[in-house]
Amino acid sequence: MVNESLNHCFMYAYAVFVLIFIGFYCLIARRNMVRLLIGLEIISKGICLLIISGSYPSRILTAQALVITVIVIEVCVMAIGLSLVIRAYHQSESIDIRDFSKLKG
C-alpha cells in the first residue's frame, strides 16, 4: 500500500515538473500575449497539481479547498489579462510584445 502511494507521488511529481517546464517555455520562447497567458495558466495548473499530490498520502481535504480558491483567482486573473490583450489589440492592431516595448509611460 505504501509502495503504491509512493509510486503515485512520483508520477505526480513528474507531471508537475513537465507542466511547469512547459509553462516556463511558453513564457520565455513566445512573444504573443495570448500564448504568454496560456503559459501562466499551465504553470498555475502545475502548482495546483503539486498541492493536490502533496496532500494525497495524508488525505488532507484542506488542500482541495485551497486549490479551488486558486482556480477561482486564476480565472479572474485570466479574464483581466485577456481584457487587457483585447484592449492592446484595439490600440495597436498587434498582440506581439515587441511592438509594445517602444511605449512611453
N, C-alpha and C. Protein backbone atom coordinates (compact mmCIF):
# COMPACT_ATOMS: atom_id res chain seq x y z
N MET A 1 0.82 -1.20 0.00
CA MET A 1 0.00 0.00 0.00
C MET A 1 0.86 1.26 0.00
N VAL A 2 1.89 1.26 0.83
CA VAL A 2 2.77 2.43 0.90
C VAL A 2 3.56 2.57 -0.39
N ASN A 3 3.98 1.45 -0.94
CA ASN A 3 4.74 1.47 -2.18
C ASN A 3 3.90 2.03 -3.33
N GLU A 4 2.64 1.65 -3.38
CA GLU A 4 1.75 2.16 -4.42
C GLU A 4 1.53 3.66 -4.27
N SER A 5 1.37 4.12 -3.05
CA SER A 5 1.20 5.55 -2.80
C SER A 5 2.45 6.33 -3.19
N LEU A 6 3.61 5.77 -2.92
CA LEU A 6 4.87 6.42 -3.28
C LEU A 6 5.03 6.49 -4.80
N ASN A 7 4.61 5.44 -5.51
CA ASN A 7 4.67 5.46 -6.97
C ASN A 7 3.75 6.53 -7.55
N HIS A 8 2.57 6.70 -6.95
CA HIS A 8 1.66 7.75 -7.40
C HIS A 8 2.27 9.12 -7.17
N CYS A 9 2.94 9.31 -6.06
CA CYS A 9 3.56 10.61 -5.77
C CYS A 9 4.66 10.93 -6.78
N PHE A 10 5.46 9.92 -7.16
CA PHE A 10 6.50 10.16 -8.16
C PHE A 10 5.89 10.47 -9.53
N MET A 11 4.79 9.79 -9.85
CA MET A 11 4.12 10.05 -11.12
C MET A 11 3.59 11.49 -11.15
N TYR A 12 3.00 11.92 -10.05
CA TYR A 12 2.50 13.29 -9.98
C TYR A 12 3.65 14.30 -10.01
N ALA A 13 4.76 13.95 -9.38
CA ALA A 13 5.91 14.86 -9.38
C ALA A 13 6.45 15.05 -10.79
N TYR A 14 6.51 13.98 -11.57
CA TYR A 14 6.94 14.11 -12.96
C TYR A 14 5.97 14.97 -13.76
N ALA A 15 4.68 14.77 -13.54
CA ALA A 15 3.67 15.56 -14.26
C ALA A 15 3.77 17.03 -13.89
N VAL A 16 4.00 17.32 -12.61
CA VAL A 16 4.16 18.71 -12.16
C VAL A 16 5.38 19.33 -12.82
N PHE A 17 6.47 18.61 -12.83
CA PHE A 17 7.70 19.12 -13.46
C PHE A 17 7.48 19.42 -14.93
N VAL A 18 6.81 18.53 -15.64
CA VAL A 18 6.57 18.72 -17.07
C VAL A 18 5.66 19.93 -17.30
N LEU A 19 4.59 20.06 -16.51
CA LEU A 19 3.68 21.19 -16.68
C LEU A 19 4.37 22.52 -16.42
N ILE A 20 5.14 22.59 -15.35
CA ILE A 20 5.83 23.84 -15.03
C ILE A 20 6.90 24.15 -16.08
N PHE A 21 7.59 23.14 -16.57
CA PHE A 21 8.59 23.36 -17.62
C PHE A 21 7.93 23.87 -18.90
N ILE A 22 6.81 23.28 -19.30
CA ILE A 22 6.11 23.73 -20.50
C ILE A 22 5.62 25.17 -20.32
N GLY A 23 5.12 25.49 -19.13
CA GLY A 23 4.67 26.85 -18.87
C GLY A 23 5.79 27.87 -18.95
N PHE A 24 6.94 27.55 -18.36
CA PHE A 24 8.08 28.47 -18.44
C PHE A 24 8.61 28.58 -19.87
N TYR A 25 8.55 27.49 -20.63
CA TYR A 25 8.95 27.56 -22.04
C TYR A 25 8.04 28.51 -22.81
N CYS A 26 6.74 28.45 -22.53
CA CYS A 26 5.80 29.38 -23.19
C CYS A 26 6.11 30.82 -22.81
N LEU A 27 6.50 31.05 -21.57
CA LEU A 27 6.81 32.42 -21.15
C LEU A 27 8.10 32.94 -21.78
N ILE A 28 9.07 32.07 -21.94
CA ILE A 28 10.37 32.51 -22.43
C ILE A 28 10.41 32.58 -23.96
N ALA A 29 9.86 31.59 -24.63
CA ALA A 29 10.06 31.47 -26.07
C ALA A 29 9.03 32.23 -26.90
N ARG A 30 7.90 32.55 -26.37
CA ARG A 30 6.84 33.15 -27.16
C ARG A 30 6.76 34.64 -26.93
N ARG A 31 6.35 35.37 -27.96
CA ARG A 31 6.17 36.81 -27.88
C ARG A 31 4.72 37.23 -28.02
N ASN A 32 3.84 36.26 -28.21
CA ASN A 32 2.43 36.54 -28.34
C ASN A 32 1.81 36.65 -26.94
N MET A 33 1.02 37.68 -26.70
CA MET A 33 0.47 37.89 -25.36
C MET A 33 -0.52 36.81 -24.95
N VAL A 34 -1.28 36.28 -25.90
CA VAL A 34 -2.23 35.21 -25.57
C VAL A 34 -1.47 33.95 -25.17
N ARG A 35 -0.40 33.64 -25.88
CA ARG A 35 0.39 32.47 -25.52
C ARG A 35 1.10 32.64 -24.18
N LEU A 36 1.44 33.86 -23.83
CA LEU A 36 2.01 34.11 -22.51
C LEU A 36 0.98 33.83 -21.41
N LEU A 37 -0.26 34.24 -21.65
CA LEU A 37 -1.31 33.95 -20.68
C LEU A 37 -1.57 32.45 -20.57
N ILE A 38 -1.50 31.76 -21.69
CA ILE A 38 -1.66 30.30 -21.66
C ILE A 38 -0.51 29.66 -20.87
N GLY A 39 0.71 30.18 -21.04
CA GLY A 39 1.85 29.67 -20.26
C GLY A 39 1.66 29.88 -18.77
N LEU A 40 1.13 31.05 -18.39
CA LEU A 40 0.84 31.28 -16.97
C LEU A 40 -0.22 30.32 -16.45
N GLU A 41 -1.20 30.03 -17.27
CA GLU A 41 -2.25 29.09 -16.88
C GLU A 41 -1.69 27.68 -16.69
N ILE A 42 -0.79 27.27 -17.57
CA ILE A 42 -0.18 25.94 -17.44
C ILE A 42 0.66 25.85 -16.17
N ILE A 43 1.39 26.91 -15.86
CA ILE A 43 2.18 26.92 -14.62
C ILE A 43 1.27 26.82 -13.40
N SER A 44 0.18 27.56 -13.42
CA SER A 44 -0.73 27.52 -12.26
C SER A 44 -1.39 26.15 -12.12
N LYS A 45 -1.68 25.49 -13.23
CA LYS A 45 -2.24 24.13 -13.14
C LYS A 45 -1.20 23.15 -12.59
N GLY A 46 0.06 23.34 -12.94
CA GLY A 46 1.11 22.51 -12.38
C GLY A 46 1.24 22.70 -10.87
N ILE A 47 1.10 23.94 -10.43
CA ILE A 47 1.17 24.22 -8.99
C ILE A 47 -0.03 23.63 -8.26
N CYS A 48 -1.20 23.70 -8.89
CA CYS A 48 -2.38 23.08 -8.28
C CYS A 48 -2.21 21.58 -8.15
N LEU A 49 -1.65 20.95 -9.19
CA LEU A 49 -1.38 19.52 -9.13
C LEU A 49 -0.35 19.20 -8.05
N LEU A 50 0.63 20.08 -7.87
CA LEU A 50 1.62 19.90 -6.81
C LEU A 50 0.96 19.94 -5.43
N ILE A 51 0.05 20.87 -5.22
CA ILE A 51 -0.63 20.97 -3.93
C ILE A 51 -1.48 19.73 -3.67
N ILE A 52 -2.22 19.30 -4.68
CA ILE A 52 -3.07 18.11 -4.52
C ILE A 52 -2.24 16.85 -4.31
N SER A 53 -1.17 16.70 -5.09
CA SER A 53 -0.35 15.50 -4.94
C SER A 53 0.43 15.50 -3.63
N GLY A 54 0.75 16.67 -3.09
CA GLY A 54 1.42 16.72 -1.81
C GLY A 54 0.52 16.31 -0.66
N SER A 55 -0.78 16.53 -0.83
CA SER A 55 -1.71 16.15 0.24
C SER A 55 -2.30 14.77 0.02
N TYR A 56 -1.95 14.10 -1.06
CA TYR A 56 -2.52 12.79 -1.36
C TYR A 56 -2.19 11.72 -0.32
N PRO A 57 -0.95 11.57 0.12
CA PRO A 57 -0.67 10.50 1.08
C PRO A 57 -1.36 10.69 2.43
N SER A 58 -1.51 11.92 2.87
CA SER A 58 -2.12 12.14 4.19
C SER A 58 -3.62 12.41 4.12
N ARG A 59 -4.20 12.50 2.91
CA ARG A 59 -5.63 12.69 2.70
C ARG A 59 -6.17 13.95 3.37
N ILE A 60 -5.45 15.05 3.21
CA ILE A 60 -5.87 16.32 3.78
C ILE A 60 -6.85 16.99 2.82
N LEU A 61 -8.04 17.34 3.30
CA LEU A 61 -9.05 17.95 2.44
C LEU A 61 -8.87 19.46 2.33
N THR A 62 -8.06 20.03 3.18
CA THR A 62 -7.82 21.47 3.12
C THR A 62 -7.12 21.86 1.81
N ALA A 63 -6.29 20.97 1.30
CA ALA A 63 -5.58 21.25 0.05
C ALA A 63 -6.57 21.38 -1.11
N GLN A 64 -7.63 20.60 -1.10
CA GLN A 64 -8.63 20.70 -2.16
C GLN A 64 -9.33 22.05 -2.11
N ALA A 65 -9.64 22.52 -0.93
CA ALA A 65 -10.27 23.84 -0.79
C ALA A 65 -9.31 24.94 -1.25
N LEU A 66 -8.03 24.79 -0.94
CA LEU A 66 -7.03 25.76 -1.39
C LEU A 66 -6.92 25.78 -2.91
N VAL A 67 -6.94 24.61 -3.53
CA VAL A 67 -6.83 24.54 -4.99
C VAL A 67 -8.07 25.15 -5.65
N ILE A 68 -9.24 24.92 -5.09
CA ILE A 68 -10.45 25.54 -5.64
C ILE A 68 -10.35 27.06 -5.55
N THR A 69 -9.82 27.57 -4.45
CA THR A 69 -9.62 29.01 -4.32
C THR A 69 -8.61 29.53 -5.34
N VAL A 70 -7.53 28.79 -5.55
CA VAL A 70 -6.53 29.17 -6.55
C VAL A 70 -7.13 29.19 -7.94
N ILE A 71 -7.98 28.23 -8.25
CA ILE A 71 -8.61 28.19 -9.57
C ILE A 71 -9.52 29.38 -9.77
N VAL A 72 -10.28 29.76 -8.75
CA VAL A 72 -11.15 30.94 -8.86
C VAL A 72 -10.32 32.20 -9.08
N ILE A 73 -9.23 32.33 -8.36
CA ILE A 73 -8.38 33.52 -8.51
C ILE A 73 -7.74 33.54 -9.90
N GLU A 74 -7.28 32.40 -10.39
CA GLU A 74 -6.64 32.40 -11.70
C GLU A 74 -7.64 32.64 -12.83
N VAL A 75 -8.89 32.28 -12.65
CA VAL A 75 -9.91 32.62 -13.64
C VAL A 75 -10.10 34.14 -13.71
N CYS A 76 -10.11 34.79 -12.55
CA CYS A 76 -10.21 36.25 -12.52
C CYS A 76 -8.99 36.90 -13.18
N VAL A 77 -7.82 36.39 -12.89
CA VAL A 77 -6.60 36.94 -13.48
C VAL A 77 -6.60 36.75 -15.00
N MET A 78 -7.04 35.59 -15.47
CA MET A 78 -7.08 35.35 -16.91
C MET A 78 -8.11 36.25 -17.59
N ALA A 79 -9.24 36.49 -16.95
CA ALA A 79 -10.25 37.37 -17.54
C ALA A 79 -9.71 38.79 -17.67
N ILE A 80 -9.05 39.27 -16.64
CA ILE A 80 -8.46 40.62 -16.69
C ILE A 80 -7.33 40.67 -17.71
N GLY A 81 -6.50 39.63 -17.74
CA GLY A 81 -5.40 39.59 -18.72
C GLY A 81 -5.91 39.56 -20.15
N LEU A 82 -6.94 38.78 -20.42
CA LEU A 82 -7.49 38.75 -21.78
C LEU A 82 -8.16 40.06 -22.15
N SER A 83 -8.77 40.72 -21.18
CA SER A 83 -9.36 42.04 -21.49
C SER A 83 -8.26 43.05 -21.81
N LEU A 84 -7.14 42.97 -21.13
CA LEU A 84 -6.01 43.86 -21.44
C LEU A 84 -5.42 43.54 -22.82
N VAL A 85 -5.38 42.27 -23.17
CA VAL A 85 -4.88 41.89 -24.50
C VAL A 85 -5.82 42.42 -25.59
N ILE A 86 -7.11 42.31 -25.37
CA ILE A 86 -8.07 42.83 -26.35
C ILE A 86 -7.94 44.34 -26.48
N ARG A 87 -7.78 45.03 -25.36
CA ARG A 87 -7.61 46.49 -25.39
C ARG A 87 -6.31 46.87 -26.12
N ALA A 88 -5.25 46.12 -25.87
CA ALA A 88 -3.97 46.40 -26.56
C ALA A 88 -4.09 46.13 -28.05
N TYR A 89 -4.85 45.11 -28.42
CA TYR A 89 -5.04 44.81 -29.84
C TYR A 89 -5.82 45.93 -30.53
N HIS A 90 -6.82 46.46 -29.86
CA HIS A 90 -7.59 47.56 -30.45
C HIS A 90 -6.74 48.82 -30.60
N GLN A 91 -5.79 49.02 -29.71
CA GLN A 91 -4.94 50.21 -29.78
C GLN A 91 -3.87 50.10 -30.86
N SER A 92 -3.26 48.93 -31.01
CA SER A 92 -2.10 48.83 -31.90
C SER A 92 -2.24 47.82 -33.03
N GLU A 93 -3.36 47.09 -33.10
CA GLU A 93 -3.58 46.07 -34.13
C GLU A 93 -2.54 44.95 -34.08
N SER A 94 -1.95 44.73 -32.92
CA SER A 94 -0.97 43.66 -32.77
C SER A 94 -0.98 43.17 -31.32
N ILE A 95 -0.65 41.89 -31.14
CA ILE A 95 -0.52 41.36 -29.78
C ILE A 95 0.90 40.84 -29.54
N ASP A 96 1.82 41.34 -30.32
CA ASP A 96 3.23 40.98 -30.16
C ASP A 96 3.85 41.90 -29.10
N ILE A 97 4.57 41.34 -28.17
CA ILE A 97 5.14 42.12 -27.07
C ILE A 97 6.20 43.09 -27.56
N ARG A 98 6.92 42.72 -28.61
CA ARG A 98 7.98 43.60 -29.11
C ARG A 98 7.42 44.93 -29.63
N ASP A 99 6.16 44.94 -30.05
CA ASP A 99 5.56 46.18 -30.51
C ASP A 99 5.28 47.16 -29.38
N PHE A 100 5.19 46.64 -28.17
CA PHE A 100 4.86 47.49 -27.02
C PHE A 100 6.09 47.95 -26.25
N SER A 101 7.29 47.60 -26.71
CA SER A 101 8.49 47.99 -25.99
C SER A 101 8.84 49.47 -26.22
N LYS A 102 8.25 50.08 -27.21
CA LYS A 102 8.54 51.48 -27.52
C LYS A 102 7.54 52.45 -26.89
N LEU A 103 6.63 51.95 -26.09
CA LEU A 103 5.64 52.81 -25.47
C LEU A 103 6.26 53.69 -24.39
N LYS A 104 5.74 54.85 -24.23
CA LYS A 104 6.19 55.74 -23.16
C LYS A 104 5.10 55.79 -22.10
N GLY A 105 5.51 55.77 -20.83
CA GLY A 105 4.52 55.64 -19.79
C GLY A 105 4.28 56.81 -19.00
